[in-house]
Amino acid sequence: MNNDYTELLTVEELCNLLKISPTAAYRLVSSGELKCFRIGRVWRIPRECVNEYIKEHSLHHN
């Protein structure tokens, strides 16, 4: 099964992946800059959305 939303990350996993602080991660998810959603009080971030975010921001900084 190769679906865009098969792997969901937590904010902690996002921090580890991007090497950012929890404050920076929560800023990304709460602002809508990084596509994600909440289940109750817990943020879930599709890995594919993180990959898209990295690609978009890499292109702008080259």
C-alpha atoms as a PDB file:
ATOM      1  CA  MET A   1       0.000   0.000   0.000  1.00  0.00           C
ATOM      2  CA  ASN A   2       1.685   3.180  -1.182  1.00  0.00           C
ATOM      3  CA  ASN A   3      -0.627   5.989  -0.109  1.00  0.00           C
ATOM      4  CA  ASP A   4       0.487   9.565   0.587  1.00  0.00           C
ATOM      5  CA  TYR A   5      -0.922   9.269   4.101  1.00  0.00           C
ATOM      6  CA  THR A   6       0.281   5.815   5.107  1.00  0.00           C
ATOM      7  CA  GLU A   7       2.918   7.107   7.514  1.00  0.00           C
ATOM      8  CA  LEU A   8       1.898   9.709  10.059  1.00  0.00           C
ATOM      9  CA  LEU A   9       4.504  11.443  12.191  1.00  0.00           C
ATOM     10  CA  THR A  10       4.155  12.968  15.630  1.00  0.00           C
ATOM     11  CA  VAL A  11       5.521  16.416  16.461  1.00  0.00           C
ATOM     12  CA  GLU A  12       8.402  14.731  18.300  1.00  0.00           C
ATOM     13  CA  GLU A  13       9.263  12.687  15.201  1.00  0.00           C
ATOM     14  CA  LEU A  14       9.023  15.845  13.083  1.00  0.00           C
ATOM     15  CA  CYS A  15      11.512  17.546  15.419  1.00  0.00           C
ATOM     16  CA  ASN A  16      13.948  14.654  15.052  1.00  0.00           C
ATOM     17  CA  LEU A  17      13.532  14.491  11.281  1.00  0.00           C
ATOM     18  CA  LEU A  18      14.009  18.216  10.635  1.00  0.00           C
ATOM     19  CA  LYS A  19      16.404  18.790  13.567  1.00  0.00           C
ATOM     20  CA  ILE A  20      14.218  21.584  14.947  1.00  0.00           C
ATOM     21  CA  SER A  21      12.911  22.507  18.378  1.00  0.00           C
ATOM     22  CA  PRO A  22       9.389  21.634  19.535  1.00  0.00           C
ATOM     23  CA  THR A  23       8.565  25.364  19.457  1.00  0.00           C
ATOM     24  CA  ALA A  24       9.564  25.586  15.793  1.00  0.00           C
ATOM     25  CA  ALA A  25       7.626  22.404  14.980  1.00  0.00           C
ATOM     26  CA  TYR A  26       4.448  23.638  16.659  1.00  0.00           C
ATOM     27  CA  ARG A  27       4.825  26.942  14.813  1.00  0.00           C
ATOM     28  CA  LEU A  28       4.963  25.067  11.482  1.00  0.00           C
ATOM     29  CA  VAL A  29       1.939  22.900  12.174  1.00  0.00           C
ATOM     30  CA  SER A  30      -0.284  25.503  13.844  1.00  0.00           C
ATOM     31  CA  SER A  31       0.374  28.129  11.141  1.00  0.00           C
ATOM     32  CA  GLY A  32      -0.636  25.751   8.350  1.00  0.00           C
ATOM     33  CA  GLU A  33       2.763  26.152   6.706  1.00  0.00           C
ATOM     34  CA  LEU A  34       3.174  22.379   6.984  1.00  0.00           C
ATOM     35  CA  LYS A  35       0.091  20.400   5.988  1.00  0.00           C
ATOM     36  CA  CYS A  36      -1.133  18.297   8.882  1.00  0.00           C
ATOM     37  CA  PHE A  37      -4.183  17.662  11.036  1.00  0.00           C
ATOM     38  CA  ARG A  38      -5.213  17.151  14.623  1.00  0.00           C
ATOM     39  CA  ILE A  39      -6.919  14.217  16.240  1.00  0.00           C
ATOM     40  CA  GLY A  40      -8.147  15.668  19.496  1.00  0.00           C
ATOM     41  CA  ARG A  41      -5.134  17.474  20.937  1.00  0.00           C
ATOM     42  CA  VAL A  42      -2.540  15.460  19.007  1.00  0.00           C
ATOM     43  CA  TRP A  43      -1.023  16.672  15.731  1.00  0.00           C
ATOM     44  CA  ARG A  44      -0.410  14.124  12.968  1.00  0.00           C
ATOM     45  CA  ILE A  45       1.849  14.994  10.073  1.00  0.00           C
ATOM     46  CA  PRO A  46       1.859  12.850   6.914  1.00  0.00           C
ATOM     47  CA  ARG A  47       5.454  12.065   5.929  1.00  0.00           C
ATOM     48  CA  GLU A  48       4.636  12.971   2.321  1.00  0.00           C
ATOM     49  CA  CYS A  49       3.667  16.484   3.460  1.00  0.00           C
ATOM     50  CA  VAL A  50       7.028  16.818   5.210  1.00  0.00           C
ATOM     51  CA  ASN A  51       8.769  15.714   2.010  1.00  0.00           C
ATOM     52  CA  GLU A  52       6.784  18.311   0.020  1.00  0.00           C
ATOM     53  CA  TYR A  53       7.654  21.012   2.563  1.00  0.00           C
ATOM     54  CA  ILE A  54      11.361  20.181   2.283  1.00  0.00           C
ATOM     55  CA  LYS A  55      11.229  20.220  -1.538  1.00  0.00           C
ATOM     56  CA  GLU A  56       9.386  23.552  -1.646  1.00  0.00           C
ATOM     57  CA  HIS A  57      11.749  25.233   0.741  1.00  0.00           C
ATOM     58  CA  SER A  58      14.869  23.719  -0.824  1.00  0.00           C
ATOM     59  CA  LEU A  59      13.925  25.147  -4.219  1.00  0.00           C
ATOM     60  CA  HIS A  60      13.485  28.618  -2.793  1.00  0.00           C
ATOM     61  CA  HIS A  61      16.893  28.606  -1.136  1.00  0.00           C
ATOM     62  CA  ASN A  62      19.026  27.365  -4.051  1.00  0.00           C
END
